[in-house]
Amino acid sequence: MTTRANGEYWSIDIPGLTEDQAMDLQKRLTPGFEFGVIVTSPRHFMTRGFDRPTVELVAHCLRAGLAAGGMSHEDEAGALSMLEDCEDWLAGASD
């Protein structure tokens, strides 16, 4: 698998798949990919492709929430990590 230094990778979202179809595709595709094929269940993950304005909005909301305080240590750590991910992506993304 070829990646850039910043860990960029591409993914494919196929709307409308059933669980059986997703698992079948994973089984068929895995041999061709060194690091495997990851199936994300909508019961456990919210997967969305965010554009730049949406990531900017998420980062803005995270900053506001952190500034307001009142979060548990775990939630604050999670918000800081997510904000760092947003900022890193924004720094390397195209307009």
N, C-alpha and C. Protein backbone atom coordinates (compact mmCIF):
# COMPACT_ATOMS: atom_id res chain seq x y z
N MET A 1 0.85 -1.17 0.00
CA MET A 1 0.00 0.00 0.00
C MET A 1 0.89 1.23 0.00
N THR A 2 0.61 2.15 -0.87
CA THR A 2 1.39 3.38 -0.95
C THR A 2 0.70 4.47 -0.16
N THR A 3 1.43 5.09 0.76
CA THR A 3 0.87 6.21 1.52
C THR A 3 1.87 7.34 1.49
N ARG A 4 1.38 8.54 1.71
CA ARG A 4 2.26 9.69 1.84
C ARG A 4 2.81 9.73 3.25
N ALA A 5 3.77 10.59 3.48
CA ALA A 5 4.40 10.69 4.79
C ALA A 5 3.39 11.01 5.89
N ASN A 6 2.32 11.75 5.56
CA ASN A 6 1.35 12.12 6.59
C ASN A 6 0.33 11.01 6.85
N GLY A 7 0.51 9.85 6.27
CA GLY A 7 -0.40 8.74 6.51
C GLY A 7 -1.68 8.80 5.69
N GLU A 8 -1.69 9.60 4.63
CA GLU A 8 -2.89 9.71 3.80
C GLU A 8 -3.26 8.36 3.22
N TYR A 9 -4.53 8.07 3.23
CA TYR A 9 -5.01 6.87 2.55
C TYR A 9 -6.40 7.14 2.00
N TRP A 10 -6.75 6.39 1.02
CA TRP A 10 -8.05 6.52 0.37
C TRP A 10 -8.96 5.42 0.89
N SER A 11 -10.25 5.68 0.87
CA SER A 11 -11.22 4.66 1.25
C SER A 11 -12.41 4.74 0.29
N ILE A 12 -13.22 3.71 0.34
CA ILE A 12 -14.41 3.65 -0.51
C ILE A 12 -15.61 3.40 0.38
N ASP A 13 -16.65 4.18 0.16
CA ASP A 13 -17.91 4.00 0.87
C ASP A 13 -18.93 3.54 -0.16
N ILE A 14 -19.57 2.42 0.09
CA ILE A 14 -20.57 1.90 -0.85
C ILE A 14 -21.91 1.90 -0.13
N PRO A 15 -22.71 2.95 -0.33
CA PRO A 15 -24.00 3.04 0.35
C PRO A 15 -24.94 1.90 -0.05
N GLY A 16 -25.73 1.46 0.92
CA GLY A 16 -26.77 0.48 0.64
C GLY A 16 -26.35 -0.97 0.77
N LEU A 17 -25.11 -1.24 1.13
CA LEU A 17 -24.69 -2.64 1.29
C LEU A 17 -25.37 -3.27 2.49
N THR A 18 -25.67 -4.53 2.37
CA THR A 18 -26.11 -5.29 3.54
C THR A 18 -24.87 -5.80 4.26
N GLU A 19 -25.05 -6.27 5.48
CA GLU A 19 -23.91 -6.83 6.21
C GLU A 19 -23.30 -8.00 5.44
N ASP A 20 -24.14 -8.86 4.89
CA ASP A 20 -23.64 -10.02 4.14
C ASP A 20 -22.83 -9.58 2.92
N GLN A 21 -23.31 -8.55 2.20
CA GLN A 21 -22.57 -8.06 1.04
C GLN A 21 -21.22 -7.47 1.46
N ALA A 22 -21.22 -6.71 2.56
CA ALA A 22 -19.97 -6.11 3.03
C ALA A 22 -18.96 -7.18 3.41
N MET A 23 -19.42 -8.20 4.11
CA MET A 23 -18.51 -9.27 4.53
C MET A 23 -18.00 -10.06 3.32
N ASP A 24 -18.85 -10.26 2.32
CA ASP A 24 -18.44 -10.94 1.10
C ASP A 24 -17.38 -10.14 0.36
N LEU A 25 -17.59 -8.82 0.24
CA LEU A 25 -16.59 -7.97 -0.41
C LEU A 25 -15.27 -7.98 0.35
N GLN A 26 -15.34 -7.93 1.67
CA GLN A 26 -14.12 -7.99 2.47
C GLN A 26 -13.35 -9.27 2.18
N LYS A 27 -14.05 -10.38 2.16
CA LYS A 27 -13.41 -11.67 1.91
C LYS A 27 -12.77 -11.71 0.52
N ARG A 28 -13.44 -11.15 -0.47
CA ARG A 28 -12.92 -11.16 -1.84
C ARG A 28 -11.74 -10.21 -2.03
N LEU A 29 -11.78 -9.06 -1.35
CA LEU A 29 -10.75 -8.04 -1.56
C LEU A 29 -9.51 -8.20 -0.70
N THR A 30 -9.63 -8.79 0.47
CA THR A 30 -8.52 -8.87 1.42
C THR A 30 -7.23 -9.44 0.84
N PRO A 31 -7.28 -10.51 0.04
CA PRO A 31 -6.01 -11.05 -0.49
C PRO A 31 -5.20 -10.05 -1.31
N GLY A 32 -5.84 -9.04 -1.88
CA GLY A 32 -5.14 -8.09 -2.73
C GLY A 32 -4.56 -6.89 -1.98
N PHE A 33 -4.78 -6.82 -0.68
CA PHE A 33 -4.32 -5.66 0.08
C PHE A 33 -3.50 -6.09 1.28
N GLU A 34 -2.27 -5.60 1.32
CA GLU A 34 -1.31 -5.98 2.34
C GLU A 34 -1.84 -5.80 3.77
N PHE A 35 -2.59 -4.74 4.00
CA PHE A 35 -3.06 -4.45 5.35
C PHE A 35 -4.51 -4.85 5.58
N GLY A 36 -5.09 -5.60 4.65
CA GLY A 36 -6.44 -6.07 4.81
C GLY A 36 -7.49 -5.06 4.37
N VAL A 37 -8.72 -5.41 4.59
CA VAL A 37 -9.87 -4.57 4.26
C VAL A 37 -10.71 -4.44 5.53
N ILE A 38 -11.01 -3.22 5.91
CA ILE A 38 -11.72 -2.97 7.16
C ILE A 38 -13.19 -2.72 6.86
N VAL A 39 -14.05 -3.47 7.51
CA VAL A 39 -15.49 -3.27 7.40
C VAL A 39 -15.93 -2.54 8.67
N THR A 40 -16.65 -1.43 8.50
CA THR A 40 -17.14 -0.68 9.66
C THR A 40 -18.66 -0.81 9.75
N SER A 41 -19.11 -1.34 10.86
CA SER A 41 -20.53 -1.55 11.07
C SER A 41 -21.22 -0.25 11.48
N PRO A 42 -22.34 0.09 10.85
CA PRO A 42 -23.06 1.30 11.24
C PRO A 42 -23.66 1.20 12.64
N ARG A 43 -23.67 0.01 13.21
CA ARG A 43 -24.13 -0.16 14.59
C ARG A 43 -23.08 0.32 15.59
N HIS A 44 -21.83 0.42 15.14
CA HIS A 44 -20.73 0.77 16.05
C HIS A 44 -19.96 2.01 15.63
N PHE A 45 -20.07 2.41 14.38
CA PHE A 45 -19.30 3.55 13.87
C PHE A 45 -20.18 4.46 13.03
N MET A 46 -19.99 5.77 13.21
CA MET A 46 -20.60 6.73 12.30
C MET A 46 -19.50 7.13 11.33
N THR A 47 -19.63 6.71 10.11
CA THR A 47 -18.61 6.99 9.10
C THR A 47 -19.15 8.01 8.13
N ARG A 48 -18.46 9.13 8.02
CA ARG A 48 -18.88 10.18 7.10
C ARG A 48 -17.65 10.74 6.41
N GLY A 49 -17.85 11.21 5.19
CA GLY A 49 -16.79 11.90 4.47
C GLY A 49 -17.02 13.39 4.63
N PHE A 50 -16.27 14.03 5.49
CA PHE A 50 -16.45 15.46 5.75
C PHE A 50 -15.62 16.30 4.78
N ASP A 51 -16.23 17.35 4.24
CA ASP A 51 -15.50 18.29 3.41
C ASP A 51 -14.84 19.34 4.31
N ARG A 52 -14.02 20.20 3.70
CA ARG A 52 -13.26 21.18 4.46
C ARG A 52 -14.15 22.07 5.35
N PRO A 53 -15.24 22.65 4.82
CA PRO A 53 -16.07 23.50 5.69
C PRO A 53 -16.63 22.73 6.90
N THR A 54 -16.98 21.47 6.71
CA THR A 54 -17.51 20.69 7.83
C THR A 54 -16.43 20.43 8.87
N VAL A 55 -15.22 20.10 8.43
CA VAL A 55 -14.12 19.86 9.39
C VAL A 55 -13.79 21.16 10.12
N GLU A 56 -13.83 22.29 9.41
CA GLU A 56 -13.60 23.58 10.07
C GLU A 56 -14.66 23.84 11.14
N LEU A 57 -15.92 23.51 10.84
CA LEU A 57 -17.00 23.68 11.80
C LEU A 57 -16.82 22.76 13.01
N VAL A 58 -16.48 21.52 12.77
CA VAL A 58 -16.24 20.58 13.86
C VAL A 58 -15.11 21.09 14.75
N ALA A 59 -14.02 21.55 14.14
CA ALA A 59 -12.89 22.07 14.92
C ALA A 59 -13.33 23.28 15.74
N HIS A 60 -14.12 24.17 15.14
CA HIS A 60 -14.62 25.35 15.85
C HIS A 60 -15.46 24.93 17.07
N CYS A 61 -16.35 23.98 16.87
CA CYS A 61 -17.20 23.49 17.97
C CYS A 61 -16.38 22.81 19.06
N LEU A 62 -15.37 22.05 18.67
CA LEU A 62 -14.50 21.42 19.67
C LEU A 62 -13.76 22.47 20.50
N ARG A 63 -13.24 23.51 19.84
CA ARG A 63 -12.56 24.58 20.57
C ARG A 63 -13.51 25.26 21.55
N ALA A 64 -14.74 25.53 21.10
CA ALA A 64 -15.73 26.18 21.96
C ALA A 64 -16.08 25.30 23.16
N GLY A 65 -16.26 24.03 22.91
CA GLY A 65 -16.57 23.10 24.00
C GLY A 65 -15.44 22.98 25.00
N LEU A 66 -14.22 22.94 24.50
CA LEU A 66 -13.06 22.87 25.40
C LEU A 66 -12.92 24.15 26.20
N ALA A 67 -13.17 25.29 25.56
CA ALA A 67 -13.06 26.58 26.26
C ALA A 67 -14.13 26.71 27.34
N ALA A 68 -15.30 26.13 27.11
CA ALA A 68 -16.40 26.22 28.07
C ALA A 68 -16.11 25.42 29.34
N GLY A 69 -15.28 24.39 29.19
CA GLY A 69 -14.94 23.56 30.35
C GLY A 69 -16.08 22.65 30.76
N GLY A 70 -15.92 22.04 31.91
CA GLY A 70 -16.96 21.17 32.44
C GLY A 70 -16.96 19.75 31.91
N MET A 71 -15.97 19.40 31.10
CA MET A 71 -15.89 18.03 30.58
C MET A 71 -15.13 17.15 31.57
N SER A 72 -15.46 15.88 31.55
CA SER A 72 -14.65 14.93 32.31
C SER A 72 -13.26 14.87 31.68
N HIS A 73 -12.31 14.34 32.42
CA HIS A 73 -10.95 14.23 31.90
C HIS A 73 -10.94 13.39 30.61
N GLU A 74 -11.71 12.32 30.60
CA GLU A 74 -11.74 11.43 29.43
C GLU A 74 -12.34 12.15 28.22
N ASP A 75 -13.43 12.90 28.44
CA ASP A 75 -14.05 13.62 27.34
C ASP A 75 -13.14 14.72 26.82
N GLU A 76 -12.47 15.42 27.74
CA GLU A 76 -11.54 16.47 27.32
C GLU A 76 -10.39 15.89 26.50
N ALA A 77 -9.86 14.76 26.94
CA ALA A 77 -8.77 14.11 26.19
C ALA A 77 -9.26 13.70 24.81
N GLY A 78 -10.48 13.17 24.72
CA GLY A 78 -11.05 12.78 23.43
C GLY A 78 -11.27 13.97 22.52
N ALA A 79 -11.77 15.08 23.10
CA ALA A 79 -12.01 16.29 22.31
C ALA A 79 -10.69 16.87 21.81
N LEU A 80 -9.68 16.88 22.65
CA LEU A 80 -8.36 17.39 22.23
C LEU A 80 -7.78 16.53 21.12
N SER A 81 -7.92 15.22 21.23
CA SER A 81 -7.42 14.32 20.19
C SER A 81 -8.16 14.53 18.88
N MET A 82 -9.47 14.68 18.95
CA MET A 82 -10.26 14.90 17.74
C MET A 82 -9.92 16.25 17.12
N LEU A 83 -9.72 17.27 17.96
CA LEU A 83 -9.34 18.59 17.46
C LEU A 83 -7.99 18.52 16.76
N GLU A 84 -7.05 17.81 17.34
CA GLU A 84 -5.74 17.65 16.71
C GLU A 84 -5.86 16.95 15.35
N ASP A 85 -6.70 15.93 15.28
CA ASP A 85 -6.94 15.26 14.00
C ASP A 85 -7.50 16.23 12.96
N CYS A 86 -8.48 17.04 13.38
CA CYS A 86 -9.08 18.02 12.47
C CYS A 86 -8.03 19.03 12.00
N GLU A 87 -7.26 19.56 12.93
CA GLU A 87 -6.25 20.57 12.58
C GLU A 87 -5.17 19.99 11.68
N ASP A 88 -4.74 18.76 11.96
CA ASP A 88 -3.74 18.11 11.11
C ASP A 88 -4.29 17.93 9.70
N TRP A 89 -5.54 17.48 9.60
CA TRP A 89 -6.13 17.27 8.28
C TRP A 89 -6.26 18.61 7.55
N LEU A 90 -6.75 19.64 8.24
CA LEU A 90 -6.90 20.95 7.61
C LEU A 90 -5.58 21.50 7.13
N ALA A 91 -4.51 21.26 7.86
CA ALA A 91 -3.19 21.77 7.47
C ALA A 91 -2.69 21.10 6.18
N GLY A 92 -3.13 19.89 5.91
CA GLY A 92 -2.64 19.18 4.72
C GLY A 92 -3.64 19.06 3.61
N ALA A 93 -4.89 19.49 3.84
CA ALA A 93 -5.94 19.31 2.84
C ALA A 93 -5.92 20.42 1.80
N SER A 94 -6.45 20.11 0.65
CA SER A 94 -6.60 21.10 -0.42
C SER A 94 -7.85 21.91 -0.17
N ASP A 95 -7.85 23.14 -0.67
CA ASP A 95 -9.07 23.97 -0.56
C ASP A 95 -10.09 23.55 -1.59
